[in-house]
């Protein structure tokens, strides 16, 4: 299985459609979770080199009466990340099935987590961006945006291949999920903040 995992990771880059279809079929759930968490942790560590992000964290901790240890913050972030991942994939799976898909939850989970692998490229880019100042931050942002689009495309492919959907239905299910779980909560938070400002 170990050798196969490396083949799958390479395949996500070179031949994503057939690779994600195979990953969905084989369901390497734990490997997928490890890959997803590994990239998340490395991304968090790389952010230390971005002075703007460090300044934001320091400002946030000044508002608290206590400082959250970095290790505790990392572990807590990992647990929350896993919980959000499970919920997000669950809702994505639900819409995949509602739109005519036939795959299982863990089929999608496996393919979805492997689809996040190109995010590893963003780790050294973030570090370099933090070290190179303003120009580095701009370049890091542009590359990060491109990687995000790449990962989104792979996640749509993961949904399509794991649930046997058409491309159109996979895209629709994907963006409805984002709308419900990301866009709506953001507007609710903005609305609550504005409401409290005028009280």
C-alpha atoms as a PDB file:
ATOM      1  CA  UNK A   1       0.000   0.000   0.000  1.00  0.00           C
ATOM      2  CA  UNK A   2       2.875   2.409   0.803  1.00  0.00           C
ATOM      3  CA  UNK A   3       4.232   2.256  -2.751  1.00  0.00           C
ATOM      4  CA  UNK A   4       0.725   2.720  -4.086  1.00  0.00           C
ATOM      5  CA  UNK A   5       0.261   5.862  -2.021  1.00  0.00           C
ATOM      6  CA  UNK A   6       3.295   7.490  -3.654  1.00  0.00           C
ATOM      7  CA  UNK A   7       1.953   6.461  -7.066  1.00  0.00           C
ATOM      8  CA  UNK A   8      -1.386   8.073  -6.197  1.00  0.00           C
ATOM      9  CA  UNK A   9       0.255  11.290  -5.021  1.00  0.00           C
ATOM     10  CA  UNK A  10       2.217  11.537  -8.256  1.00  0.00           C
ATOM     11  CA  UNK A  11      -0.910  10.610 -10.191  1.00  0.00           C
ATOM     12  CA  UNK A  12      -2.897  13.458  -8.606  1.00  0.00           C
ATOM     13  CA  UNK A  13      -0.424  15.778 -10.340  1.00  0.00           C
ATOM     14  CA  UNK A  14       0.095  13.935 -13.649  1.00  0.00           C
ATOM     15  CA  UNK A  15      -3.176  12.050 -14.292  1.00  0.00           C
ATOM     16  CA  UNK A  16      -5.770  13.246 -11.774  1.00  0.00           C
ATOM     17  CA  UNK A  17      -8.924  11.775 -13.319  1.00  0.00           C
ATOM     18  CA  UNK A  18      -7.853   8.124 -13.349  1.00  0.00           C
ATOM     19  CA  UNK A  19      -5.938   8.498 -10.072  1.00  0.00           C
ATOM     20  CA  UNK A  20      -8.780  10.043  -8.085  1.00  0.00           C
ATOM     21  CA  UNK A  21     -11.175   7.469  -9.489  1.00  0.00           C
ATOM     22  CA  UNK A  22      -8.868   4.688  -8.260  1.00  0.00           C
ATOM     23  CA  UNK A  23      -8.397   6.362  -4.871  1.00  0.00           C
ATOM     24  CA  UNK A  24     -12.172   6.647  -4.495  1.00  0.00           C
ATOM     25  CA  UNK A  25     -12.504   2.964  -5.300  1.00  0.00           C
ATOM     26  CA  UNK A  26      -9.750   1.782  -2.918  1.00  0.00           C
ATOM     27  CA  UNK A  27     -10.730   4.150  -0.050  1.00  0.00           C
ATOM     28  CA  UNK A  28      -7.344   4.773   1.658  1.00  0.00           C
ATOM     29  CA  UNK A  29      -9.132   6.854   4.312  1.00  0.00           C
ATOM     30  CA  UNK A  30      -6.326   7.073   6.871  1.00  0.00           C
ATOM     31  CA  UNK A  31      -3.708   7.952   4.273  1.00  0.00           C
ATOM     32  CA  UNK A  32      -5.989  10.664   2.938  1.00  0.00           C
ATOM     33  CA  UNK A  33      -6.495  12.090   6.413  1.00  0.00           C
ATOM     34  CA  UNK A  34      -2.741  12.061   7.110  1.00  0.00           C
ATOM     35  CA  UNK A  35      -2.036  13.849   3.826  1.00  0.00           C
ATOM     36  CA  UNK A  36      -4.711  16.469   4.502  1.00  0.00           C
ATOM     37  CA  UNK A  37      -3.497  17.124   8.046  1.00  0.00           C
ATOM     38  CA  UNK A  38       0.154  17.107   7.004  1.00  0.00           C
ATOM     39  CA  UNK A  39      -0.433  19.804   4.411  1.00  0.00           C
ATOM     40  CA  UNK A  40      -2.509  21.842   6.892  1.00  0.00           C
ATOM     41  CA  UNK A  41       0.201  21.659   9.564  1.00  0.00           C
ATOM     42  CA  UNK A  42       3.008  22.505   7.141  1.00  0.00           C
ATOM     43  CA  UNK A  43       0.959  25.421   5.846  1.00  0.00           C
ATOM     44  CA  UNK A  44       0.483  26.710   9.408  1.00  0.00           C
ATOM     45  CA  UNK A  45       4.194  26.389  10.135  1.00  0.00           C
ATOM     46  CA  UNK A  46       5.080  28.179   6.900  1.00  0.00           C
ATOM     47  CA  UNK A  47       2.833  31.073   7.926  1.00  0.00           C
ATOM     48  CA  UNK A  48       5.295  31.837  10.732  1.00  0.00           C
ATOM     49  CA  UNK A  49       7.571  33.341   8.066  1.00  0.00           C
ATOM     50  CA  UNK A  50       4.857  35.783   6.979  1.00  0.00           C
ATOM     51  CA  UNK A  51       5.246  38.883   9.188  1.00  0.00           C
ATOM     52  CA  UNK A  52       1.724  40.094   8.393  1.00  0.00           C
ATOM     53  CA  UNK A  53       0.142  36.865   9.647  1.00  0.00           C
ATOM     54  CA  UNK A  54       2.391  36.858  12.720  1.00  0.00           C
ATOM     55  CA  UNK A  55       1.341  40.446  13.463  1.00  0.00           C
ATOM     56  CA  UNK A  56      -2.336  39.475  13.181  1.00  0.00           C
ATOM     57  CA  UNK A  57      -1.830  36.570  15.609  1.00  0.00           C
ATOM     58  CA  UNK A  58       0.040  38.778  18.074  1.00  0.00           C
ATOM     59  CA  UNK A  59      -2.694  41.405  17.922  1.00  0.00           C
ATOM     60  CA  UNK A  60      -5.353  38.761  18.542  1.00  0.00           C
ATOM     61  CA  UNK A  61      -3.499  37.365  21.557  1.00  0.00           C
ATOM     62  CA  UNK A  62      -3.132  40.873  23.023  1.00  0.00           C
ATOM     63  CA  UNK A  63      -6.896  41.051  23.240  1.00  0.00           C
ATOM     64  CA  UNK A  64      -6.943  37.926  25.433  1.00  0.00           C
ATOM     65  CA  UNK A  65      -6.103  37.743  29.125  1.00  0.00           C
ATOM     66  CA  UNK A  66      -3.912  34.706  28.409  1.00  0.00           C
ATOM     67  CA  UNK A  67      -1.627  33.489  25.624  1.00  0.00           C
ATOM     68  CA  UNK A  68      -2.485  30.271  23.822  1.00  0.00           C
ATOM     69  CA  UNK A  69       0.621  28.040  23.588  1.00  0.00           C
ATOM     70  CA  UNK A  70       1.565  27.333  19.969  1.00  0.00           C
ATOM     71  CA  UNK A  71       1.405  23.532  20.491  1.00  0.00           C
ATOM     72  CA  UNK A  72      -2.066  23.758  22.018  1.00  0.00           C
ATOM     73  CA  UNK A  73      -3.181  26.066  19.226  1.00  0.00           C
ATOM     74  CA  UNK A  74      -1.848  23.596  16.627  1.00  0.00           C
ATOM     75  CA  UNK A  75      -3.516  20.576  18.244  1.00  0.00           C
ATOM     76  CA  UNK A  76      -6.788  22.439  18.655  1.00  0.00           C
ATOM     77  CA  UNK A  77      -6.580  23.602  15.061  1.00  0.00           C
ATOM     78  CA  UNK A  78      -6.026  20.020  13.897  1.00  0.00           C
ATOM     79  CA  UNK A  79      -9.096  18.754  15.749  1.00  0.00           C
ATOM     80  CA  UNK A  80     -11.266  21.562  14.418  1.00  0.00           C
ATOM     81  CA  UNK A  81      -9.860  21.012  10.921  1.00  0.00           C
ATOM     82  CA  UNK A  82     -10.760  17.308  11.011  1.00  0.00           C
ATOM     83  CA  UNK A  83     -14.251  18.058  12.318  1.00  0.00           C
ATOM     84  CA  UNK A  84     -14.877  20.671   9.627  1.00  0.00           C
ATOM     85  CA  UNK A  85     -13.491  18.315   6.978  1.00  0.00           C
ATOM     86  CA  UNK A  86     -15.870  15.525   8.038  1.00  0.00           C
ATOM     87  CA  UNK A  87     -18.842  17.897   7.995  1.00  0.00           C
ATOM     88  CA  UNK A  88     -17.902  19.482   4.679  1.00  0.00           C
ATOM     89  CA  UNK A  89     -17.409  16.141   2.928  1.00  0.00           C
ATOM     90  CA  UNK A  90     -20.684  14.944   4.460  1.00  0.00           C
ATOM     91  CA  UNK A  91     -22.650  17.843   2.975  1.00  0.00           C
ATOM     92  CA  UNK A  92     -20.817  17.487  -0.343  1.00  0.00           C
ATOM     93  CA  UNK A  93     -21.663  13.778  -0.340  1.00  0.00           C
ATOM     94  CA  UNK A  94     -25.310  14.585   0.398  1.00  0.00           C
ATOM     95  CA  UNK A  95     -25.607  16.916  -2.589  1.00  0.00           C
ATOM     96  CA  UNK A  96     -23.669  14.464  -4.740  1.00  0.00           C
ATOM     97  CA  UNK A  97     -26.283  11.825  -3.956  1.00  0.00           C
ATOM     98  CA  UNK A  98     -29.188  14.255  -4.392  1.00  0.00           C
ATOM     99  CA  UNK A  99     -27.923  15.087  -7.875  1.00  0.00           C
ATOM    100  CA  UNK A 100     -27.883  11.446  -8.918  1.00  0.00           C
ATOM    101  CA  UNK A 101     -24.527  10.222  -7.639  1.00  0.00           C
ATOM    102  CA  UNK A 102     -24.048   6.715  -6.315  1.00  0.00           C
ATOM    103  CA  UNK A 103     -20.775   6.816  -4.393  1.00  0.00           C
ATOM    104  CA  UNK A 104     -20.244   6.378  -0.679  1.00  0.00           C
ATOM    105  CA  UNK A 105     -19.073   8.886   1.924  1.00  0.00           C
ATOM    106  CA  UNK A 106     -15.624   7.322   2.416  1.00  0.00           C
ATOM    107  CA  UNK A 107     -15.109   7.011  -1.337  1.00  0.00           C
ATOM    108  CA  UNK A 108     -15.523  10.773  -1.615  1.00  0.00           C
ATOM    109  CA  UNK A 109     -13.541  11.450   1.560  1.00  0.00           C
ATOM    110  CA  UNK A 110     -10.529   9.529   0.242  1.00  0.00           C
ATOM    111  CA  UNK A 111     -10.543  11.200  -3.169  1.00  0.00           C
ATOM    112  CA  UNK A 112     -11.225  14.652  -1.687  1.00  0.00           C
ATOM    113  CA  UNK A 113      -8.314  14.492   0.755  1.00  0.00           C
ATOM    114  CA  UNK A 114      -5.885  13.239  -1.894  1.00  0.00           C
ATOM    115  CA  UNK A 115      -7.052  16.096  -4.140  1.00  0.00           C
ATOM    116  CA  UNK A 116      -5.590  18.529  -1.593  1.00  0.00           C
ATOM    117  CA  UNK A 117      -2.048  17.264  -2.254  1.00  0.00           C
ATOM    118  CA  UNK A 118      -0.967  20.082  -4.643  1.00  0.00           C
ATOM    119  CA  UNK A 119      -1.369  22.387  -1.662  1.00  0.00           C
ATOM    120  CA  UNK A 120       2.067  21.156  -0.575  1.00  0.00           C
ATOM    121  CA  UNK A 121       3.550  23.402  -3.263  1.00  0.00           C
ATOM    122  CA  UNK A 122       2.231  26.416  -1.385  1.00  0.00           C
ATOM    123  CA  UNK A 123       4.359  25.664   1.690  1.00  0.00           C
ATOM    124  CA  UNK A 124       7.783  26.705   0.312  1.00  0.00           C
ATOM    125  CA  UNK A 125       6.095  29.517  -1.647  1.00  0.00           C
ATOM    126  CA  UNK A 126       4.664  30.928   1.596  1.00  0.00           C
ATOM    127  CA  UNK A 127       8.072  30.715   3.289  1.00  0.00           C
ATOM    128  CA  UNK A 128       9.797  32.477   0.391  1.00  0.00           C
ATOM    129  CA  UNK A 129       7.059  35.079   0.265  1.00  0.00           C
ATOM    130  CA  UNK A 130       7.575  35.880   3.933  1.00  0.00           C
ATOM    131  CA  UNK A 131      11.336  36.142   3.521  1.00  0.00           C
ATOM    132  CA  UNK A 132      11.285  38.306   0.396  1.00  0.00           C
ATOM    133  CA  UNK A 133       9.120  41.119   1.748  1.00  0.00           C
ATOM    134  CA  UNK A 134       6.352  42.910  -0.144  1.00  0.00           C
ATOM    135  CA  UNK A 135       7.237  41.582  -3.602  1.00  0.00           C
ATOM    136  CA  UNK A 136       7.491  38.077  -2.172  1.00  0.00           C
ATOM    137  CA  UNK A 137       4.092  38.442  -0.505  1.00  0.00           C
ATOM    138  CA  UNK A 138       2.502  39.512  -3.792  1.00  0.00           C
ATOM    139  CA  UNK A 139       4.070  36.624  -5.709  1.00  0.00           C
ATOM    140  CA  UNK A 140       3.148  34.229  -2.905  1.00  0.00           C
ATOM    141  CA  UNK A 141      -0.442  35.444  -3.051  1.00  0.00           C
ATOM    142  CA  UNK A 142      -0.658  34.974  -6.816  1.00  0.00           C
ATOM    143  CA  UNK A 143       0.859  31.482  -6.697  1.00  0.00           C
ATOM    144  CA  UNK A 144      -1.334  30.603  -3.723  1.00  0.00           C
ATOM    145  CA  UNK A 145      -4.429  31.696  -5.660  1.00  0.00           C
ATOM    146  CA  UNK A 146      -3.417  29.555  -8.653  1.00  0.00           C
ATOM    147  CA  UNK A 147      -2.858  26.529  -6.388  1.00  0.00           C
ATOM    148  CA  UNK A 148      -6.258  27.102  -4.769  1.00  0.00           C
ATOM    149  CA  UNK A 149      -7.957  27.030  -8.180  1.00  0.00           C
ATOM    150  CA  UNK A 150      -6.021  23.864  -9.061  1.00  0.00           C
ATOM    151  CA  UNK A 151      -7.147  22.161  -5.845  1.00  0.00           C
ATOM    152  CA  UNK A 152     -10.766  23.209  -6.412  1.00  0.00           C
ATOM    153  CA  UNK A 153     -10.684  21.636  -9.880  1.00  0.00           C
ATOM    154  CA  UNK A 154      -9.239  18.440  -8.390  1.00  0.00           C
ATOM    155  CA  UNK A 155     -11.910  18.389  -5.675  1.00  0.00           C
ATOM    156  CA  UNK A 156     -14.641  18.684  -8.297  1.00  0.00           C
ATOM    157  CA  UNK A 157     -13.009  15.790 -10.180  1.00  0.00           C
ATOM    158  CA  UNK A 158     -12.877  13.828  -6.904  1.00  0.00           C
ATOM    159  CA  UNK A 159     -16.629  14.329  -6.445  1.00  0.00           C
ATOM    160  CA  UNK A 160     -17.383  13.479 -10.056  1.00  0.00           C
ATOM    161  CA  UNK A 161     -15.284  10.315 -10.099  1.00  0.00           C
ATOM    162  CA  UNK A 162     -16.308   9.045  -6.661  1.00  0.00           C
ATOM    163  CA  UNK A 163     -20.045   9.538  -7.283  1.00  0.00           C
ATOM    164  CA  UNK A 164     -20.276   8.910 -11.020  1.00  0.00           C
ATOM    165  CA  UNK A 165     -21.677  12.377 -11.720  1.00  0.00           C
ATOM    166  CA  UNK A 166     -21.498  14.463 -14.846  1.00  0.00           C
ATOM    167  CA  UNK A 167     -19.072  17.387 -14.723  1.00  0.00           C
ATOM    168  CA  UNK A 168     -21.951  19.873 -14.598  1.00  0.00           C
ATOM    169  CA  UNK A 169     -23.672  18.132 -11.674  1.00  0.00           C
ATOM    170  CA  UNK A 170     -20.373  17.822  -9.798  1.00  0.00           C
ATOM    171  CA  UNK A 171     -19.680  21.544 -10.213  1.00  0.00           C
ATOM    172  CA  UNK A 172     -23.218  22.420  -9.104  1.00  0.00           C
ATOM    173  CA  UNK A 173     -23.022  20.189  -6.011  1.00  0.00           C
ATOM    174  CA  UNK A 174     -19.579  21.559  -5.134  1.00  0.00           C
ATOM    175  CA  UNK A 175     -20.548  25.224  -5.275  1.00  0.00           C
ATOM    176  CA  UNK A 176     -23.890  24.733  -3.528  1.00  0.00           C
ATOM    177  CA  UNK A 177     -21.935  23.154  -0.672  1.00  0.00           C
ATOM    178  CA  UNK A 178     -19.535  26.112  -0.567  1.00  0.00           C
ATOM    179  CA  UNK A 179     -22.481  28.519  -0.622  1.00  0.00           C
ATOM    180  CA  UNK A 180     -24.238  26.804   2.290  1.00  0.00           C
ATOM    181  CA  UNK A 181     -21.202  26.108   4.481  1.00  0.00           C
ATOM    182  CA  UNK A 182     -18.977  29.102   3.673  1.00  0.00           C
ATOM    183  CA  UNK A 183     -20.780  32.026   2.026  1.00  0.00           C
ATOM    184  CA  UNK A 184     -23.967  31.976   4.123  1.00  0.00           C
ATOM    185  CA  UNK A 185     -22.127  31.805   7.489  1.00  0.00           C
ATOM    186  CA  UNK A 186     -19.839  34.683   6.439  1.00  0.00           C
ATOM    187  CA  UNK A 187     -22.840  36.889   5.638  1.00  0.00           C
ATOM    188  CA  UNK A 188     -24.524  35.860   8.893  1.00  0.00           C
ATOM    189  CA  UNK A 189     -21.424  36.863  10.874  1.00  0.00           C
ATOM    190  CA  UNK A 190     -21.180  40.179   9.009  1.00  0.00           C
ATOM    191  CA  UNK A 191     -24.866  40.791   9.673  1.00  0.00           C
ATOM    192  CA  UNK A 192     -24.483  40.049  13.390  1.00  0.00           C
ATOM    193  CA  UNK A 193     -21.428  42.297  13.694  1.00  0.00           C
ATOM    194  CA  UNK A 194     -23.238  45.149  11.966  1.00  0.00           C
ATOM    195  CA  UNK A 195     -26.316  44.596  14.149  1.00  0.00           C
ATOM    196  CA  UNK A 196     -24.220  44.836  17.337  1.00  0.00           C
ATOM    197  CA  UNK A 197     -22.502  47.970  16.042  1.00  0.00           C
ATOM    198  CA  UNK A 198     -25.846  49.779  15.803  1.00  0.00           C
ATOM    199  CA  UNK A 199     -27.256  48.559  19.126  1.00  0.00           C
END
